[in-house]
Amino acid sequence: MSFFISPAFADAAAPAAGPAGSGFEWIFLVGFLVIFYLMIWRPQAKRAKEQKNLLGNL
């Protein structure tokens, strides 16, 4: 028994994205980047700055 999807079924399952779908993808990408910045990048930069100040004061 084969567990691979035949190429004919794979092509039929993926409809082409229209112009409206493309805009949603960009909004999703920008939203993801904003969340990444707010939750990961910014707090890490703040911790690094605090650590640099702490080591500078020693």
Protein backbone atom coordinates (compact mmCIF):
# COMPACT_ATOMS: atom_id res chain seq x y z
CA MET A 1 0.00 0.00 0.00
CA SER A 2 1.38 3.39 -0.97
CA PHE A 3 1.11 6.36 1.38
CA PHE A 4 2.11 8.90 -1.24
CA ILE A 5 -0.46 11.23 -2.76
CA SER A 6 -0.69 10.90 -6.49
CA PRO A 7 0.22 14.10 -8.39
CA ALA A 8 -3.24 14.18 -9.98
CA PHE A 9 -4.94 14.45 -6.59
CA ALA A 10 -2.42 16.98 -5.30
CA ASP A 11 -3.03 19.33 -8.24
CA ALA A 12 -6.81 19.10 -7.91
CA ALA A 13 -6.79 19.95 -4.20
CA ALA A 14 -4.96 23.30 -4.51
CA PRO A 15 -7.02 26.05 -6.18
CA ALA A 16 -5.16 29.01 -7.62
CA ALA A 17 -5.07 32.09 -5.40
CA GLY A 18 -6.80 35.10 -6.86
CA PRO A 19 -5.86 38.75 -6.41
CA ALA A 20 -7.92 39.05 -3.21
CA GLY A 21 -6.15 36.08 -1.59
CA SER A 22 -2.76 37.64 -2.20
CA GLY A 23 -3.62 40.72 -0.13
CA PHE A 24 -4.70 38.57 2.80
CA GLU A 25 -1.38 36.74 2.70
CA TRP A 26 0.52 40.04 2.99
CA ILE A 27 -1.66 41.18 5.90
CA PHE A 28 -1.05 37.84 7.64
CA LEU A 29 2.71 38.12 7.09
CA VAL A 30 2.89 41.70 8.41
CA GLY A 31 0.77 40.74 11.43
CA PHE A 32 3.07 37.82 12.15
CA LEU A 33 6.13 40.07 11.97
CA VAL A 34 4.56 42.61 14.35
CA ILE A 35 3.74 39.88 16.87
CA PHE A 36 7.28 38.49 16.52
CA TYR A 37 8.74 41.94 17.20
CA LEU A 38 6.55 42.63 20.22
CA MET A 39 6.88 39.22 21.86
CA ILE A 40 10.46 38.18 21.06
CA TRP A 41 12.73 40.85 19.59
CA ARG A 42 11.82 43.82 21.80
CA PRO A 43 11.99 42.02 25.19
CA GLN A 44 15.29 40.39 24.22
CA ALA A 45 16.79 43.76 23.25
CA LYS A 46 15.60 45.20 26.57
CA ARG A 47 17.23 42.34 28.51
CA ALA A 48 20.47 42.76 26.57
CA LYS A 49 20.50 46.50 27.30
CA GLU A 50 19.90 45.90 31.01
CA GLN A 51 22.67 43.29 31.12
CA LYS A 52 25.06 45.65 29.34
CA ASN A 53 24.28 48.42 31.85
CA LEU A 54 24.72 46.01 34.76
CA LEU A 55 28.11 44.83 33.52
CA GLY A 56 29.15 48.42 32.83
CA ASN A 57 28.37 49.43 36.41
CA LEU A 58 30.53 46.68 37.91
